[in-house]
Amino acid sequence: MELTRPVLARASQPMPTSLGTLDAIHLATALMWAEQAGSPLVMATHDRLLATAARASGLRVVG
């Protein structure tokens, strides 16, 4: 997925936890990809805050 205005707009919206800019972009991209694909997405991360936000957003997380 390209870094587009819609991705940046999604990343700038409130997230379930406080995230830095790049983590917010990663989460926004994952959420938008999952919506477009219409299938569950598994996010792999060792970042605790990103993992918490991803789980709170309905994604399965490994790592």
N, C-alpha and C. Protein backbone atom coordinates (compact mmCIF):
# COMPACT_ATOMS: atom_id res chain seq x y z
N MET A 1 0.85 -1.16 0.00
CA MET A 1 0.00 0.00 0.00
C MET A 1 0.90 1.23 0.00
N GLU A 2 0.57 2.19 -0.84
CA GLU A 2 1.34 3.42 -0.92
C GLU A 2 1.00 4.35 0.23
N LEU A 3 1.96 5.21 0.54
CA LEU A 3 1.73 6.24 1.55
C LEU A 3 0.97 7.38 0.86
N THR A 4 -0.33 7.37 1.02
CA THR A 4 -1.20 8.32 0.33
C THR A 4 -1.86 9.25 1.35
N ARG A 5 -2.54 10.24 0.84
CA ARG A 5 -3.26 11.15 1.74
C ARG A 5 -4.28 10.43 2.61
N PRO A 6 -5.04 9.46 2.06
CA PRO A 6 -5.97 8.74 2.93
C PRO A 6 -5.26 7.97 4.06
N VAL A 7 -4.10 7.41 3.78
CA VAL A 7 -3.34 6.72 4.83
C VAL A 7 -2.92 7.73 5.90
N LEU A 8 -2.39 8.86 5.47
CA LEU A 8 -1.97 9.89 6.42
C LEU A 8 -3.16 10.43 7.21
N ALA A 9 -4.30 10.58 6.54
CA ALA A 9 -5.49 11.05 7.25
C ALA A 9 -5.92 10.04 8.31
N ARG A 10 -5.88 8.76 7.97
CA ARG A 10 -6.24 7.71 8.94
C ARG A 10 -5.25 7.70 10.10
N ALA A 11 -3.97 7.85 9.79
CA ALA A 11 -2.94 7.84 10.83
C ALA A 11 -3.04 9.04 11.76
N SER A 12 -3.60 10.13 11.28
CA SER A 12 -3.71 11.33 12.11
C SER A 12 -4.93 11.31 13.02
N GLN A 13 -5.80 10.32 12.84
CA GLN A 13 -6.98 10.20 13.70
C GLN A 13 -6.58 9.56 15.03
N PRO A 14 -7.38 9.75 16.07
CA PRO A 14 -7.05 9.14 17.36
C PRO A 14 -6.89 7.62 17.26
N MET A 15 -5.88 7.12 17.93
CA MET A 15 -5.60 5.69 17.99
C MET A 15 -5.93 5.20 19.41
N PRO A 16 -6.09 3.89 19.58
CA PRO A 16 -6.44 3.35 20.90
C PRO A 16 -5.38 3.61 21.97
N THR A 17 -4.12 3.77 21.55
CA THR A 17 -3.04 4.12 22.47
C THR A 17 -2.23 5.23 21.85
N SER A 18 -1.41 5.86 22.63
CA SER A 18 -0.53 6.91 22.12
C SER A 18 0.56 6.27 21.27
N LEU A 19 0.64 6.67 20.00
CA LEU A 19 1.63 6.12 19.08
C LEU A 19 2.44 7.23 18.46
N GLY A 20 3.68 6.91 18.13
CA GLY A 20 4.49 7.84 17.36
C GLY A 20 4.01 7.88 15.93
N THR A 21 4.55 8.80 15.17
CA THR A 21 4.11 9.01 13.79
C THR A 21 4.24 7.75 12.94
N LEU A 22 5.41 7.12 12.95
CA LEU A 22 5.61 5.94 12.10
C LEU A 22 4.74 4.78 12.52
N ASP A 23 4.58 4.57 13.82
CA ASP A 23 3.70 3.48 14.28
C ASP A 23 2.25 3.75 13.88
N ALA A 24 1.83 5.01 13.96
CA ALA A 24 0.46 5.35 13.55
C ALA A 24 0.27 5.09 12.06
N ILE A 25 1.29 5.39 11.26
CA ILE A 25 1.21 5.12 9.82
C ILE A 25 1.17 3.61 9.58
N HIS A 26 1.98 2.85 10.31
CA HIS A 26 1.96 1.39 10.16
C HIS A 26 0.59 0.82 10.50
N LEU A 27 0.03 1.26 11.62
CA LEU A 27 -1.28 0.75 12.03
C LEU A 27 -2.37 1.17 11.05
N ALA A 28 -2.35 2.42 10.63
CA ALA A 28 -3.35 2.89 9.67
C ALA A 28 -3.27 2.09 8.37
N THR A 29 -2.06 1.83 7.91
CA THR A 29 -1.87 1.05 6.69
C THR A 29 -2.42 -0.36 6.86
N ALA A 30 -2.11 -0.99 7.98
CA ALA A 30 -2.60 -2.35 8.24
C ALA A 30 -4.12 -2.38 8.29
N LEU A 31 -4.72 -1.42 8.96
CA LEU A 31 -6.17 -1.39 9.07
C LEU A 31 -6.83 -1.17 7.71
N MET A 32 -6.28 -0.26 6.93
CA MET A 32 -6.85 0.01 5.61
C MET A 32 -6.65 -1.18 4.68
N TRP A 33 -5.51 -1.84 4.77
CA TRP A 33 -5.26 -3.03 3.95
C TRP A 33 -6.25 -4.13 4.30
N ALA A 34 -6.47 -4.34 5.58
CA ALA A 34 -7.41 -5.38 6.02
C ALA A 34 -8.82 -5.06 5.53
N GLU A 35 -9.22 -3.79 5.59
CA GLU A 35 -10.54 -3.39 5.11
C GLU A 35 -10.67 -3.64 3.61
N GLN A 36 -9.65 -3.27 2.85
CA GLN A 36 -9.70 -3.44 1.39
C GLN A 36 -9.65 -4.90 0.99
N ALA A 37 -8.87 -5.70 1.72
CA ALA A 37 -8.74 -7.12 1.39
C ALA A 37 -9.98 -7.89 1.82
N GLY A 38 -10.67 -7.37 2.82
CA GLY A 38 -11.85 -8.06 3.32
C GLY A 38 -11.52 -9.34 4.05
N SER A 39 -10.30 -9.42 4.55
CA SER A 39 -9.89 -10.61 5.28
C SER A 39 -9.06 -10.20 6.50
N PRO A 40 -9.00 -11.08 7.49
CA PRO A 40 -8.24 -10.76 8.70
C PRO A 40 -6.76 -10.57 8.38
N LEU A 41 -6.14 -9.71 9.13
CA LEU A 41 -4.72 -9.43 8.96
C LEU A 41 -4.02 -9.76 10.27
N VAL A 42 -2.84 -10.34 10.17
CA VAL A 42 -2.01 -10.59 11.34
C VAL A 42 -0.85 -9.61 11.29
N MET A 43 -0.70 -8.82 12.34
CA MET A 43 0.40 -7.86 12.40
C MET A 43 1.53 -8.46 13.21
N ALA A 44 2.73 -8.42 12.66
CA ALA A 44 3.92 -8.89 13.37
C ALA A 44 4.69 -7.69 13.89
N THR A 45 4.87 -7.61 15.19
CA THR A 45 5.62 -6.52 15.79
C THR A 45 6.13 -6.92 17.16
N HIS A 46 7.26 -6.34 17.54
CA HIS A 46 7.78 -6.51 18.89
C HIS A 46 7.57 -5.23 19.69
N ASP A 47 6.94 -4.24 19.08
CA ASP A 47 6.68 -2.96 19.74
C ASP A 47 5.43 -3.10 20.60
N ARG A 48 5.58 -2.95 21.89
CA ARG A 48 4.48 -3.18 22.83
C ARG A 48 3.31 -2.23 22.60
N LEU A 49 3.59 -0.94 22.41
CA LEU A 49 2.50 0.02 22.22
C LEU A 49 1.77 -0.20 20.89
N LEU A 50 2.52 -0.50 19.84
CA LEU A 50 1.89 -0.77 18.55
C LEU A 50 1.05 -2.04 18.63
N ALA A 51 1.57 -3.06 19.31
CA ALA A 51 0.81 -4.31 19.48
C ALA A 51 -0.48 -4.06 20.24
N THR A 52 -0.42 -3.27 21.29
CA THR A 52 -1.61 -2.96 22.08
C THR A 52 -2.64 -2.23 21.23
N ALA A 53 -2.19 -1.24 20.46
CA ALA A 53 -3.10 -0.48 19.60
C ALA A 53 -3.69 -1.38 18.51
N ALA A 54 -2.88 -2.25 17.95
CA ALA A 54 -3.37 -3.16 16.90
C ALA A 54 -4.42 -4.11 17.45
N ARG A 55 -4.16 -4.68 18.62
CA ARG A 55 -5.16 -5.58 19.23
C ARG A 55 -6.45 -4.82 19.53
N ALA A 56 -6.32 -3.61 20.06
CA ALA A 56 -7.50 -2.80 20.39
C ALA A 56 -8.28 -2.43 19.13
N SER A 57 -7.60 -2.43 17.99
CA SER A 57 -8.25 -2.12 16.72
C SER A 57 -8.81 -3.36 16.04
N GLY A 58 -8.64 -4.51 16.68
CA GLY A 58 -9.22 -5.74 16.14
C GLY A 58 -8.28 -6.62 15.35
N LEU A 59 -7.00 -6.28 15.32
CA LEU A 59 -6.05 -7.10 14.58
C LEU A 59 -5.45 -8.17 15.48
N ARG A 60 -5.10 -9.29 14.89
CA ARG A 60 -4.35 -10.32 15.60
C ARG A 60 -2.88 -9.93 15.52
N VAL A 61 -2.15 -10.10 16.61
CA VAL A 61 -0.76 -9.67 16.67
C VAL A 61 0.12 -10.84 17.07
N VAL A 62 1.25 -10.98 16.39
CA VAL A 62 2.28 -11.94 16.77
C VAL A 62 3.58 -11.17 16.93
N GLY A 63 4.43 -11.71 17.77
CA GLY A 63 5.74 -11.07 17.94
C GLY A 63 6.05 -10.77 19.37
